Amino acid sequence: MTPLLQVALGGAIGASARYLTGIGMMRLLGRGFPWGTMTVNFLGSFLMGVLVVVLAEKSGNRFAPLLMTGVLGGFTTYSAFSLDAITIYERGQFGLAALYVFGTLALALGGIALGLTVARGFFA
């Protein structure tokens, strides 16, 4: 399969998973906060850390277009993050907006660091 087809297929899978995660988080925790976006950005960052180790460091990068660019590119969404942040801000919830922005950043960075650490420990 060509890299372009891998990206297209992976993007469809990732976007569908993002949609389902958003619905699941909304049902679980309610609509008052963008938990779905925050969750996919954390999970996507964690999985990116795992995939960097598994694909790039251990088994080559044959599946990188499918998994890293396609699936994770379709799964995570900083455009939705930006919209969520400005929406909270425009509602006048400045503290909550700041918590969301810094919380998402911390979770995304923590997710990739955790993914790298877990995968390196598992595949070392």
PDB file of N, CA and C in Angstrom:
ATOM      1  N   MET A   1       0.854  -1.179   0.000  1.00  0.00           N
ATOM      2  CA  MET A   1       0.000   0.000   0.000  1.00  0.00           C
ATOM      3  C   MET A   1       0.896   1.237   0.000  1.00  0.00           C
ATOM      4  N   THR A   2       0.577   2.207  -0.835  1.00  0.00           N
ATOM      5  CA  THR A   2       1.389   3.416  -0.921  1.00  0.00           C
ATOM      6  C   THR A   2       1.246   4.239   0.360  1.00  0.00           C
ATOM      7  N   PRO A   3       2.250   5.053   0.669  1.00  0.00           N
ATOM      8  CA  PRO A   3       2.141   5.896   1.864  1.00  0.00           C
ATOM      9  C   PRO A   3       0.904   6.797   1.850  1.00  0.00           C
ATOM     10  N   LEU A   4       0.526   7.328   0.693  1.00  0.00           N
ATOM     11  CA  LEU A   4      -0.649   8.189   0.623  1.00  0.00           C
ATOM     12  C   LEU A   4      -1.919   7.422   1.002  1.00  0.00           C
ATOM     13  N   LEU A   5      -2.061   6.196   0.523  1.00  0.00           N
ATOM     14  CA  LEU A   5      -3.220   5.381   0.894  1.00  0.00           C
ATOM     15  C   LEU A   5      -3.187   5.018   2.378  1.00  0.00           C
ATOM     16  N   GLN A   6      -1.992   4.775   2.899  1.00  0.00           N
ATOM     17  CA  GLN A   6      -1.868   4.496   4.330  1.00  0.00           C
ATOM     18  C   GLN A   6      -2.353   5.684   5.150  1.00  0.00           C
ATOM     19  N   VAL A   7      -1.946   6.887   4.760  1.00  0.00           N
ATOM     20  CA  VAL A   7      -2.355   8.098   5.484  1.00  0.00           C
ATOM     21  C   VAL A   7      -3.872   8.279   5.393  1.00  0.00           C
ATOM     22  N   ALA A   8      -4.423   8.074   4.203  1.00  0.00           N
ATOM     23  CA  ALA A   8      -5.871   8.242   4.015  1.00  0.00           C
ATOM     24  C   ALA A   8      -6.657   7.241   4.858  1.00  0.00           C
ATOM     25  N   LEU A   9      -6.255   5.984   4.834  1.00  0.00           N
ATOM     26  CA  LEU A   9      -6.929   4.961   5.629  1.00  0.00           C
ATOM     27  C   LEU A   9      -6.774   5.244   7.117  1.00  0.00           C
ATOM     28  N   GLY A  10      -5.554   5.552   7.525  1.00  0.00           N
ATOM     29  CA  GLY A  10      -5.303   5.857   8.931  1.00  0.00           C
ATOM     30  C   GLY A  10      -6.074   7.076   9.400  1.00  0.00           C
ATOM     31  N   GLY A  11      -6.166   8.097   8.549  1.00  0.00           N
ATOM     32  CA  GLY A  11      -6.916   9.306   8.900  1.00  0.00           C
ATOM     33  C   GLY A  11      -8.383   8.997   9.148  1.00  0.00           C
ATOM     34  N   ALA A  12      -8.965   8.140   8.318  1.00  0.00           N
ATOM     35  CA  ALA A  12     -10.371   7.762   8.506  1.00  0.00           C
ATOM     36  C   ALA A  12     -10.558   7.012   9.825  1.00  0.00           C
ATOM     37  N   ILE A  13      -9.636   6.134  10.130  1.00  0.00           N
ATOM     38  CA  ILE A  13      -9.705   5.377  11.390  1.00  0.00           C
ATOM     39  C   ILE A  13      -9.536   6.327  12.583  1.00  0.00           C
ATOM     40  N   GLY A  14      -8.541   7.202  12.506  1.00  0.00           N
ATOM     41  CA  GLY A  14      -8.272   8.135  13.605  1.00  0.00           C
ATOM     42  C   GLY A  14      -9.412   9.109  13.839  1.00  0.00           C
ATOM     43  N   ALA A  15      -9.969   9.654  12.764  1.00  0.00           N
ATOM     44  CA  ALA A  15     -11.077  10.608  12.907  1.00  0.00           C
ATOM     45  C   ALA A  15     -12.309   9.923  13.495  1.00  0.00           C
ATOM     46  N   SER A  16     -12.559   8.698  13.085  1.00  0.00           N
ATOM     47  CA  SER A  16     -13.691   7.947  13.647  1.00  0.00           C
ATOM     48  C   SER A  16     -13.474   7.670  15.128  1.00  0.00           C
ATOM     49  N   ALA A  17     -12.251   7.312  15.483  1.00  0.00           N
ATOM     50  CA  ALA A  17     -11.939   7.066  16.894  1.00  0.00           C
ATOM     51  C   ALA A  17     -12.066   8.344  17.716  1.00  0.00           C
ATOM     52  N   ARG A  18     -11.665   9.484  17.136  1.00  0.00           N
ATOM     53  CA  ARG A  18     -11.811  10.760  17.835  1.00  0.00           C
ATOM     54  C   ARG A  18     -13.278  11.073  18.085  1.00  0.00           C
ATOM     55  N   TYR A  19     -14.101  10.882  17.078  1.00  0.00           N
ATOM     56  CA  TYR A  19     -15.534  11.131  17.199  1.00  0.00           C
ATOM     57  C   TYR A  19     -16.140  10.264  18.305  1.00  0.00           C
ATOM     58  N   LEU A  20     -15.818   8.985  18.296  1.00  0.00           N
ATOM     59  CA  LEU A  20     -16.364   8.066  19.300  1.00  0.00           C
ATOM     60  C   LEU A  20     -15.843   8.394  20.699  1.00  0.00           C
ATOM     61  N   THR A  21     -14.592   8.796  20.804  1.00  0.00           N
ATOM     62  CA  THR A  21     -14.033   9.195  22.095  1.00  0.00           C
ATOM     63  C   THR A  21     -14.746  10.429  22.624  1.00  0.00           C
ATOM     64  N   GLY A  22     -14.997  11.393  21.748  1.00  0.00           N
ATOM     65  CA  GLY A  22     -15.719  12.610  22.150  1.00  0.00           C
ATOM     66  C   GLY A  22     -17.111  12.293  22.673  1.00  0.00           C
ATOM     67  N   ILE A  23     -17.823  11.431  21.980  1.00  0.00           N
ATOM     68  CA  ILE A  23     -19.161  11.036  22.430  1.00  0.00           C
ATOM     69  C   ILE A  23     -19.078  10.308  23.771  1.00  0.00           C
ATOM     70  N   GLY A  24     -18.130   9.399  23.871  1.00  0.00           N
ATOM     71  CA  GLY A  24     -17.979   8.643  25.111  1.00  0.00           C
ATOM     72  C   GLY A  24     -17.661   9.521  26.305  1.00  0.00           C
ATOM     73  N   MET A  25     -16.746  10.466  26.126  1.00  0.00           N
ATOM     74  CA  MET A  25     -16.374  11.352  27.225  1.00  0.00           C
ATOM     75  C   MET A  25     -17.525  12.280  27.593  1.00  0.00           C
ATOM     76  N   MET A  26     -18.289  12.728  26.602  1.00  0.00           N
ATOM     77  CA  MET A  26     -19.437  13.593  26.873  1.00  0.00           C
ATOM     78  C   MET A  26     -20.485  12.828  27.680  1.00  0.00           C
ATOM     79  N   ARG A  27     -20.726  11.589  27.325  1.00  0.00           N
ATOM     80  CA  ARG A  27     -21.692  10.769  28.064  1.00  0.00           C
ATOM     81  C   ARG A  27     -21.191  10.460  29.474  1.00  0.00           C
ATOM     82  N   LEU A  28     -19.901  10.256  29.588  1.00  0.00           N
ATOM     83  CA  LEU A  28     -19.316   9.910  30.878  1.00  0.00           C
ATOM     84  C   LEU A  28     -19.214  11.108  31.818  1.00  0.00           C
ATOM     85  N   LEU A  29     -18.764  12.265  31.289  1.00  0.00           N
ATOM     86  CA  LEU A  29     -18.455  13.406  32.150  1.00  0.00           C
ATOM     87  C   LEU A  29     -19.294  14.650  31.887  1.00  0.00           C
ATOM     88  N   GLY A  30     -20.154  14.632  30.884  1.00  0.00           N
ATOM     89  CA  GLY A  30     -21.022  15.766  30.616  1.00  0.00           C
ATOM     90  C   GLY A  30     -20.454  16.725  29.586  1.00  0.00           C
ATOM     91  N   ARG A  31     -21.257  17.749  29.267  1.00  0.00           N
ATOM     92  CA  ARG A  31     -20.928  18.702  28.211  1.00  0.00           C
ATOM     93  C   ARG A  31     -20.222  19.959  28.706  1.00  0.00           C
ATOM     94  N   GLY A  32     -20.050  20.163  29.961  1.00  0.00           N
ATOM     95  CA  GLY A  32     -19.558  21.428  30.484  1.00  0.00           C
ATOM     96  C   GLY A  32     -18.107  21.735  30.212  1.00  0.00           C
ATOM     97  N   PHE A  33     -17.338  20.767  29.769  1.00  0.00           N
ATOM     98  CA  PHE A  33     -15.900  20.930  29.565  1.00  0.00           C
ATOM     99  C   PHE A  33     -15.493  20.006  28.417  1.00  0.00           C
ATOM    100  N   PRO A  34     -14.550  20.412  27.565  1.00  0.00           N
ATOM    101  CA  PRO A  34     -14.179  19.596  26.407  1.00  0.00           C
ATOM    102  C   PRO A  34     -13.277  18.402  26.755  1.00  0.00           C
ATOM    103  N   TRP A  35     -13.806  17.502  27.556  1.00  0.00           N
ATOM    104  CA  TRP A  35     -13.042  16.329  27.987  1.00  0.00           C
ATOM    105  C   TRP A  35     -12.612  15.454  26.813  1.00  0.00           C
ATOM    106  N   GLY A  36     -13.450  15.356  25.794  1.00  0.00           N
ATOM    107  CA  GLY A  36     -13.114  14.517  24.646  1.00  0.00           C
ATOM    108  C   GLY A  36     -11.858  14.990  23.934  1.00  0.00           C
ATOM    109  N   THR A  37     -11.763  16.288  23.683  1.00  0.00           N
ATOM    110  CA  THR A  37     -10.594  16.846  23.003  1.00  0.00           C
ATOM    111  C   THR A  37      -9.345  16.651  23.856  1.00  0.00           C
ATOM    112  N   MET A  38      -9.479  16.912  25.129  1.00  0.00           N
ATOM    113  CA  MET A  38      -8.344  16.753  26.030  1.00  0.00           C
ATOM    114  C   MET A  38      -7.886  15.295  26.074  1.00  0.00           C
ATOM    115  N   THR A  39      -8.850  14.390  26.098  1.00  0.00           N
ATOM    116  CA  THR A  39      -8.542  12.963  26.154  1.00  0.00           C
ATOM    117  C   THR A  39      -7.823  12.498  24.892  1.00  0.00           C
ATOM    118  N   VAL A  40      -8.335  12.875  23.715  1.00  0.00           N
ATOM    119  CA  VAL A  40      -7.686  12.412  22.485  1.00  0.00           C
ATOM    120  C   VAL A  40      -6.292  13.011  22.333  1.00  0.00           C
ATOM    121  N   ASN A  41      -6.103  14.238  22.793  1.00  0.00           N
ATOM    122  CA  ASN A  41      -4.770  14.823  22.680  1.00  0.00           C
ATOM    123  C   ASN A  41      -3.788  14.145  23.636  1.00  0.00           C
ATOM    124  N   PHE A  42      -4.244  13.740  24.816  1.00  0.00           N
ATOM    125  CA  PHE A  42      -3.372  12.983  25.716  1.00  0.00           C
ATOM    126  C   PHE A  42      -3.079  11.602  25.144  1.00  0.00           C
ATOM    127  N   LEU A  43      -4.131  10.879  24.766  1.00  0.00           N
ATOM    128  CA  LEU A  43      -3.935   9.523  24.244  1.00  0.00           C
ATOM    129  C   LEU A  43      -3.099   9.536  22.966  1.00  0.00           C
ATOM    130  N   GLY A  44      -3.366  10.503  22.100  1.00  0.00           N
ATOM    131  CA  GLY A  44      -2.591  10.598  20.869  1.00  0.00           C
ATOM    132  C   GLY A  44      -1.124  10.867  21.146  1.00  0.00           C
ATOM    133  N   SER A  45      -0.847  11.715  22.102  1.00  0.00           N
ATOM    134  CA  SER A  45       0.542  12.006  22.469  1.00  0.00           C
ATOM    135  C   SER A  45       1.206  10.779  23.082  1.00  0.00           C
ATOM    136  N   PHE A  46       0.487  10.086  23.954  1.00  0.00           N
ATOM    137  CA  PHE A  46       1.015   8.853  24.554  1.00  0.00           C
ATOM    138  C   PHE A  46       1.327   7.829  23.467  1.00  0.00           C
ATOM    139  N   LEU A  47       0.381   7.615  22.574  1.00  0.00           N
ATOM    140  CA  LEU A  47       0.579   6.630  21.511  1.00  0.00           C
ATOM    141  C   LEU A  47       1.691   7.042  20.555  1.00  0.00           C
ATOM    142  N   MET A  48       1.853   8.339  20.321  1.00  0.00           N
ATOM    143  CA  MET A  48       2.952   8.809  19.485  1.00  0.00           C
ATOM    144  C   MET A  48       4.284   8.443  20.129  1.00  0.00           C
ATOM    145  N   GLY A  49       4.376   8.615  21.437  1.00  0.00           N
ATOM    146  CA  GLY A  49       5.597   8.226  22.140  1.00  0.00           C
ATOM    147  C   GLY A  49       5.879   6.743  22.016  1.00  0.00           C
ATOM    148  N   VAL A  50       4.844   5.925  22.153  1.00  0.00           N
ATOM    149  CA  VAL A  50       5.003   4.474  22.001  1.00  0.00           C
ATOM    150  C   VAL A  50       5.428   4.147  20.570  1.00  0.00           C
ATOM    151  N   LEU A  51       4.757   4.738  19.601  1.00  0.00           N
ATOM    152  CA  LEU A  51       5.058   4.423  18.208  1.00  0.00           C
ATOM    153  C   LEU A  51       6.444   4.876  17.776  1.00  0.00           C
ATOM    154  N   VAL A  52       6.922   5.981  18.328  1.00  0.00           N
ATOM    155  CA  VAL A  52       8.282   6.429  18.009  1.00  0.00           C
ATOM    156  C   VAL A  52       9.273   5.333  18.373  1.00  0.00           C
ATOM    157  N   VAL A  53       9.070   4.732  19.527  1.00  0.00           N
ATOM    158  CA  VAL A  53       9.977   3.666  19.968  1.00  0.00           C
ATOM    159  C   VAL A  53       9.758   2.401  19.141  1.00  0.00           C
ATOM    160  N   VAL A  54       8.535   1.969  19.033  1.00  0.00           N
ATOM    161  CA  VAL A  54       8.236   0.701  18.376  1.00  0.00           C
ATOM    162  C   VAL A  54       8.555   0.749  16.880  1.00  0.00           C
ATOM    163  N   LEU A  55       8.127   1.793  16.203  1.00  0.00           N
ATOM    164  CA  LEU A  55       8.310   1.854  14.751  1.00  0.00           C
ATOM    165  C   LEU A  55       9.680   2.380  14.342  1.00  0.00           C
ATOM    166  N   ALA A  56      10.042   3.527  14.881  1.00  0.00           N
ATOM    167  CA  ALA A  56      11.274   4.169  14.423  1.00  0.00           C
ATOM    168  C   ALA A  56      12.522   3.528  15.011  1.00  0.00           C
ATOM    169  N   GLU A  57      12.474   3.157  16.274  1.00  0.00           N
ATOM    170  CA  GLU A  57      13.673   2.652  16.918  1.00  0.00           C
ATOM    171  C   GLU A  57      13.817   1.142  16.831  1.00  0.00           C
ATOM    172  N   LYS A  58      12.725   0.410  16.670  1.00  0.00           N
ATOM    173  CA  LYS A  58      12.805  -1.048  16.741  1.00  0.00           C
ATOM    174  C   LYS A  58      12.522  -1.758  15.426  1.00  0.00           C
ATOM    175  N   SER A  59      11.492  -1.370  14.708  1.00  0.00           N
ATOM    176  CA  SER A  59      11.095  -2.177  13.550  1.00  0.00           C
ATOM    177  C   SER A  59      11.035  -1.385  12.252  1.00  0.00           C
ATOM    178  N   GLY A  60      11.736  -0.291  12.174  1.00  0.00           N
ATOM    179  CA  GLY A  60      11.680   0.507  10.962  1.00  0.00           C
ATOM    180  C   GLY A  60      10.422   1.360  10.934  1.00  0.00           C
ATOM    181  N   ASN A  61      10.237   2.062   9.852  1.00  0.00           N
ATOM    182  CA  ASN A  61       9.106   2.991   9.812  1.00  0.00           C
ATOM    183  C   ASN A  61       8.120   2.664   8.690  1.00  0.00           C
ATOM    184  N   ARG A  62       8.007   1.409   8.318  1.00  0.00           N
ATOM    185  CA  ARG A  62       7.110   1.000   7.238  1.00  0.00           C
ATOM    186  C   ARG A  62       5.659   1.383   7.505  1.00  0.00           C
ATOM    187  N   PHE A  63       5.234   1.332   8.762  1.00  0.00           N
ATOM    188  CA  PHE A  63       3.857   1.641   9.105  1.00  0.00           C
ATOM    189  C   PHE A  63       3.687   3.053   9.675  1.00  0.00           C
ATOM    190  N   ALA A  64       4.743   3.840   9.678  1.00  0.00           N
ATOM    191  CA  ALA A  64       4.659   5.200  10.214  1.00  0.00           C
ATOM    192  C   ALA A  64       3.625   6.056   9.488  1.00  0.00           C
ATOM    193  N   PRO A  65       3.554   6.033   8.154  1.00  0.00           N
ATOM    194  CA  PRO A  65       2.518   6.854   7.502  1.00  0.00           C
ATOM    195  C   PRO A  65       1.102   6.465   7.931  1.00  0.00           C
ATOM    196  N   LEU A  66       0.836   5.184   8.042  1.00  0.00           N
ATOM    197  CA  LEU A  66      -0.489   4.713   8.452  1.00  0.00           C
ATOM    198  C   LEU A  66      -0.801   5.116   9.886  1.00  0.00           C
ATOM    199  N   LEU A  67       0.104   4.797  10.793  1.00  0.00           N
ATOM    200  CA  LEU A  67      -0.185   4.958  12.215  1.00  0.00           C
ATOM    201  C   LEU A  67       0.099   6.357  12.753  1.00  0.00           C
ATOM    202  N   MET A  68       1.262   6.901  12.435  1.00  0.00           N
ATOM    203  CA  MET A  68       1.643   8.181  13.029  1.00  0.00           C
ATOM    204  C   MET A  68       0.976   9.354  12.326  1.00  0.00           C
ATOM    205  N   THR A  69       1.096   9.422  11.014  1.00  0.00           N
ATOM    206  CA  THR A  69       0.494  10.533  10.280  1.00  0.00           C
ATOM    207  C   THR A  69      -1.002  10.331  10.112  1.00  0.00           C
ATOM    208  N   GLY A  70      -1.407   9.127   9.714  1.00  0.00           N
ATOM    209  CA  GLY A  70      -2.813   8.856   9.441  1.00  0.00           C
ATOM    210  C   GLY A  70      -3.668   8.744  10.687  1.00  0.00           C
ATOM    211  N   VAL A  71      -3.480   7.656  11.438  1.00  0.00           N
ATOM    212  CA  VAL A  71      -4.341   7.396  12.600  1.00  0.00           C
ATOM    213  C   VAL A  71      -4.206   8.504  13.640  1.00  0.00           C
ATOM    214  N   LEU A  72      -2.984   8.799  14.068  1.00  0.00           N
ATOM    215  CA  LEU A  72      -2.824   9.800  15.130  1.00  0.00           C
ATOM    216  C   LEU A  72      -3.091  11.212  14.630  1.00  0.00           C
ATOM    217  N   GLY A  73      -2.800  11.487  13.362  1.00  0.00           N
ATOM    218  CA  GLY A  73      -3.132  12.791  12.792  1.00  0.00           C
ATOM    219  C   GLY A  73      -4.632  13.008  12.727  1.00  0.00           C
ATOM    220  N   GLY A  74      -5.368  11.943  12.418  1.00  0.00           N
ATOM    221  CA  GLY A  74      -6.828  12.034  12.396  1.00  0.00           C
ATOM    222  C   GLY A  74      -7.442  11.994  13.781  1.00  0.00           C
ATOM    223  N   PHE A  75      -6.738  11.378  14.725  1.00  0.00           N
ATOM    224  CA  PHE A  75      -7.263  11.209  16.076  1.00  0.00           C
ATOM    225  C   PHE A  75      -7.107  12.456  16.927  1.00  0.00           C
ATOM    226  N   THR A  76      -5.931  13.051  16.919  1.00  0.00           N
ATOM    227  CA  THR A  76      -5.705  14.250  17.737  1.00  0.00           C
ATOM    228  C   THR A  76      -6.147  15.479  16.973  1.00  0.00           C
ATOM    229  N   THR A  77      -6.401  16.543  17.705  1.00  0.00           N
ATOM    230  CA  THR A  77      -6.930  17.723  17.028  1.00  0.00           C
ATOM    231  C   THR A  77      -6.652  18.996  17.807  1.00  0.00           C
ATOM    232  N   TYR A  78      -5.662  19.706  17.375  1.00  0.00           N
ATOM    233  CA  TYR A  78      -5.403  20.972  18.037  1.00  0.00           C
ATOM    234  C   TYR A  78      -6.276  22.096  17.493  1.00  0.00           C
ATOM    235  N   SER A  79      -6.892  21.891  16.343  1.00  0.00           N
ATOM    236  CA  SER A  79      -7.845  22.903  15.877  1.00  0.00           C
ATOM    237  C   SER A  79      -9.082  22.896  16.770  1.00  0.00           C
ATOM    238  N   ALA A  80      -9.551  21.709  17.142  1.00  0.00           N
ATOM    239  CA  ALA A  80     -10.685  21.629  18.069  1.00  0.00           C
ATOM    240  C   ALA A  80     -10.280  22.152  19.446  1.00  0.00           C
ATOM    241  N   PHE A  81      -9.059  21.875  19.857  1.00  0.00           N
ATOM    242  CA  PHE A  81      -8.537  22.395  21.117  1.00  0.00           C
ATOM    243  C   PHE A  81      -8.592  23.922  21.131  1.00  0.00           C
ATOM    244  N   SER A  82      -8.157  24.537  20.037  1.00  0.00           N
ATOM    245  CA  SER A  82      -8.155  25.995  19.952  1.00  0.00           C
ATOM    246  C   SER A  82      -9.573  26.548  20.024  1.00  0.00           C
ATOM    247  N   LEU A  83     -10.501  25.911  19.323  1.00  0.00           N
ATOM    248  CA  LEU A  83     -11.895  26.350  19.353  1.00  0.00           C
ATOM    249  C   LEU A  83     -12.478  26.198  20.752  1.00  0.00           C
ATOM    250  N   ASP A  84     -12.219  25.061  21.390  1.00  0.00           N
ATOM    251  CA  ASP A  84     -12.720  24.852  22.752  1.00  0.00           C
ATOM    252  C   ASP A  84     -12.182  25.915  23.701  1.00  0.00           C
ATOM    253  N   ALA A  85     -10.888  26.202  23.597  1.00  0.00           N
ATOM    254  CA  ALA A  85     -10.257  27.178  24.497  1.00  0.00           C
ATOM    255  C   ALA A  85     -10.862  28.567  24.327  1.00  0.00           C
ATOM    256  N   ILE A  86     -11.040  29.005  23.096  1.00  0.00           N
ATOM    257  CA  ILE A  86     -11.577  30.350  22.871  1.00  0.00           C
ATOM    258  C   ILE A  86     -13.051  30.416  23.258  1.00  0.00           C
ATOM    259  N   THR A  87     -13.780  29.327  23.076  1.00  0.00           N
ATOM    260  CA  THR A  87     -15.194  29.293  23.472  1.00  0.00           C
ATOM    261  C   THR A  87     -15.333  29.452  24.981  1.00  0.00           C
ATOM    262  N   ILE A  88     -14.514  28.727  25.732  1.00  0.00           N
ATOM    263  CA  ILE A  88     -14.545  28.850  27.194  1.00  0.00           C
ATOM    264  C   ILE A  88     -14.169  30.270  27.605  1.00  0.00           C
ATOM    265  N   TYR A  89     -13.135  30.820  26.966  1.00  0.00           N
ATOM    266  CA  TYR A  89     -12.691  32.179  27.248  1.00  0.00           C
ATOM    267  C   TYR A  89     -13.790  33.194  26.964  1.00  0.00           C
ATOM    268  N   GLU A  90     -14.448  33.055  25.815  1.00  0.00           N
ATOM    269  CA  GLU A  90     -15.501  34.001  25.442  1.00  0.00           C
ATOM    270  C   GLU A  90     -16.739  33.892  26.334  1.00  0.00           C
ATOM    271  N   ARG A  91     -16.912  32.775  27.008  1.00  0.00           N
ATOM    272  CA  ARG A  91     -18.005  32.645  27.986  1.00  0.00           C
ATOM    273  C   ARG A  91     -17.650  33.365  29.284  1.00  0.00           C
ATOM    274  N   GLY A  92     -16.448  33.916  29.337  1.00  0.00           N
ATOM    275  CA  GLY A  92     -16.019  34.642  30.522  1.00  0.00           C
ATOM    276  C   GLY A  92     -15.409  33.754  31.592  1.00  0.00           C
ATOM    277  N   GLN A  93     -15.154  32.511  31.274  1.00  0.00           N
ATOM    278  CA  GLN A  93     -14.575  31.575  32.230  1.00  0.00           C
ATOM    279  C   GLN A  93     -13.056  31.537  32.031  1.00  0.00           C
ATOM    280  N   PHE A  94     -12.420  32.638  32.413  1.00  0.00           N
ATOM    281  CA  PHE A  94     -11.003  32.818  32.146  1.00  0.00           C
ATOM    282  C   PHE A  94     -10.128  31.784  32.856  1.00  0.00           C
ATOM    283  N   GLY A  95     -10.428  31.519  34.097  1.00  0.00           N
ATOM    284  CA  GLY A  95      -9.660  30.529  34.850  1.00  0.00           C
ATOM    285  C   GLY A  95      -9.799  29.138  34.263  1.00  0.00           C
ATOM    286  N   LEU A  96     -11.024  28.771  33.889  1.00  0.00           N
ATOM    287  CA  LEU A  96     -11.259  27.463  33.293  1.00  0.00           C
ATOM    288  C   LEU A  96     -10.568  27.360  31.937  1.00  0.00           C
ATOM    289  N   ALA A  97     -10.575  28.446  31.164  1.00  0.00           N
ATOM    290  CA  ALA A  97      -9.882  28.455  29.870  1.00  0.00           C
ATOM    291  C   ALA A  97      -8.383  28.242  30.065  1.00  0.00           C
ATOM    292  N   ALA A  98      -7.809  28.932  31.039  1.00  0.00           N
ATOM    293  CA  ALA A  98      -6.377  28.770  31.318  1.00  0.00           C
ATOM    294  C   ALA A  98      -6.072  27.353  31.791  1.00  0.00           C
ATOM    295  N   LEU A  99      -6.930  26.814  32.658  1.00  0.00           N
ATOM    296  CA  LEU A  99      -6.756  25.440  33.131  1.00  0.00           C
ATOM    297  C   LEU A  99      -6.785  24.472  31.954  1.00  0.00           C
ATOM    298  N   TYR A 100      -7.708  24.680  31.033  1.00  0.00           N
ATOM    299  CA  TYR A 100      -7.837  23.812  29.869  1.00  0.00           C
ATOM    300  C   TYR A 100      -6.596  23.902  28.975  1.00  0.00           C
ATOM    301  N   VAL A 101      -6.133  25.115  28.703  1.00  0.00           N
ATOM    302  CA  VAL A 101      -4.968  25.284  27.837  1.00  0.00           C
ATOM    303  C   VAL A 101      -3.733  24.655  28.472  1.00  0.00           C
ATOM    304  N   PHE A 102      -3.455  24.998  29.713  1.00  0.00           N
ATOM    305  CA  PHE A 102      -2.253  24.472  30.356  1.00  0.00           C
ATOM    306  C   PHE A 102      -2.396  22.994  30.707  1.00  0.00           C
ATOM    307  N   GLY A 103      -3.611  22.573  31.051  1.00  0.00           N
ATOM    308  CA  GLY A 103      -3.849  21.156  31.329  1.00  0.00           C
ATOM    309  C   GLY A 103      -3.649  20.303  30.088  1.00  0.00           C
ATOM    310  N   THR A 104      -4.141  20.774  28.959  1.00  0.00           N
ATOM    311  CA  THR A 104      -3.969  20.035  27.706  1.00  0.00           C
ATOM    312  C   THR A 104      -2.496  19.955  27.330  1.00  0.00           C
ATOM    313  N   LEU A 105      -1.796  21.062  27.439  1.00  0.00           N
ATOM    314  CA  LEU A 105      -0.367  21.069  27.127  1.00  0.00           C
ATOM    315  C   LEU A 105       0.389  20.114  28.045  1.00  0.00           C
ATOM    316  N   ALA A 106       0.108  20.176  29.339  1.00  0.00           N
ATOM    317  CA  ALA A 106       0.791  19.299  30.289  1.00  0.00           C
ATOM    318  C   ALA A 106       0.475  17.828  30.007  1.00  0.00           C
ATOM    319  N   LEU A 107      -0.799  17.537  29.719  1.00  0.00           N
ATOM    320  CA  LEU A 107      -1.169  16.152  29.432  1.00  0.00           C
ATOM    321  C   LEU A 107      -0.544  15.654  28.131  1.00  0.00           C
ATOM    322  N   ALA A 108      -0.504  16.492  27.108  1.00  0.00           N
ATOM    323  CA  ALA A 108       0.087  16.080  25.833  1.00  0.00           C
ATOM    324  C   ALA A 108       1.582  15.811  25.989  1.00  0.00           C
ATOM    325  N   LEU A 109       2.290  16.722  26.655  1.00  0.00           N
ATOM    326  CA  LEU A 109       3.720  16.507  26.889  1.00  0.00           C
ATOM    327  C   LEU A 109       3.956  15.321  27.819  1.00  0.00           C
ATOM    328  N   GLY A 110       3.127  15.217  28.846  1.00  0.00           N
ATOM    329  CA  GLY A 110       3.230  14.068  29.741  1.00  0.00           C
ATOM    330  C   GLY A 110       2.907  12.771  29.028  1.00  0.00           C
ATOM    331  N   GLY A 111       1.936  12.822  28.139  1.00  0.00           N
ATOM    332  CA  GLY A 111       1.558  11.626  27.390  1.00  0.00           C
ATOM    333  C   GLY A 111       2.676  11.119  26.508  1.00  0.00           C
ATOM    334  N   ILE A 112       3.340  12.018  25.795  1.00  0.00           N
ATOM    335  CA  ILE A 112       4.421  11.553  24.918  1.00  0.00           C
ATOM    336  C   ILE A 112       5.614  11.076  25.741  1.00  0.00           C
ATOM    337  N   ALA A 113       5.908  11.756  26.832  1.00  0.00           N
ATOM    338  CA  ALA A 113       7.009  11.313  27.695  1.00  0.00           C
ATOM    339  C   ALA A 113       6.701   9.948  28.300  1.00  0.00           C
ATOM    340  N   LEU A 114       5.472   9.762  28.756  1.00  0.00           N
ATOM    341  CA  LEU A 114       5.064   8.473  29.320  1.00  0.00           C
ATOM    342  C   LEU A 114       5.108   7.377  28.265  1.00  0.00           C
ATOM    343  N   GLY A 115       4.605   7.681  27.059  1.00  0.00           N
ATOM    344  CA  GLY A 115       4.648   6.700  25.975  1.00  0.00           C
ATOM    345  C   GLY A 115       6.060   6.274  25.622  1.00  0.00           C
ATOM    346  N   LEU A 116       6.963   7.244  25.536  1.00  0.00           N
ATOM    347  CA  LEU A 116       8.367   6.920  25.259  1.00  0.00           C
ATOM    348  C   LEU A 116       8.952   6.050  26.357  1.00  0.00           C
ATOM    349  N   THR A 117       8.699   6.420  27.602  1.00  0.00           N
ATOM    350  CA  THR A 117       9.248   5.682  28.741  1.00  0.00           C
ATOM    351  C   THR A 117       8.707   4.256  28.796  1.00  0.00           C
ATOM    352  N   VAL A 118       7.394   4.119  28.655  1.00  0.00           N
ATOM    353  CA  VAL A 118       6.765   2.792  28.706  1.00  0.00           C
ATOM    354  C   VAL A 118       7.296   1.906  27.570  1.00  0.00           C
ATOM    355  N   ALA A 119       7.294   2.450  26.359  1.00  0.00           N
ATOM    356  CA  ALA A 119       7.724   1.660  25.220  1.00  0.00           C
ATOM    357  C   ALA A 119       9.203   1.306  25.294  1.00  0.00           C
ATOM    358  N   ARG A 120      10.022   2.246  25.739  1.00  0.00           N
ATOM    359  CA  ARG A 120      11.443   1.935  25.865  1.00  0.00           C
ATOM    360  C   ARG A 120      11.695   0.873  26.930  1.00  0.00           C
ATOM    361  N   GLY A 121      10.932   0.927  28.013  1.00  0.00           N
ATOM    362  CA  GLY A 121      11.055  -0.088  29.048  1.00  0.00           C
ATOM    363  C   GLY A 121      10.563  -1.453  28.581  1.00  0.00           C
ATOM    364  N   PHE A 122       9.525  -1.452  27.794  1.00  0.00           N
ATOM    365  CA  PHE A 122       8.943  -2.700  27.328  1.00  0.00           C
ATOM    366  C   PHE A 122       9.738  -3.335  26.211  1.00  0.00           C
ATOM    367  N   PHE A 123      10.278  -2.504  25.317  1.00  0.00           N
ATOM    368  CA  PHE A 123      10.972  -3.015  24.147  1.00  0.00           C
ATOM    369  C   PHE A 123      12.486  -2.956  24.266  1.00  0.00           C
ATOM    370  N   ALA A 124      12.989  -2.620  25.454  1.00  0.00           N
ATOM    371  CA  ALA A 124      14.455  -2.520  25.633  1.00  0.00           C
ATOM    372  C   ALA A 124      15.110  -3.872  25.716  1.00  0.00           C
TER     373      ALA A 124
END
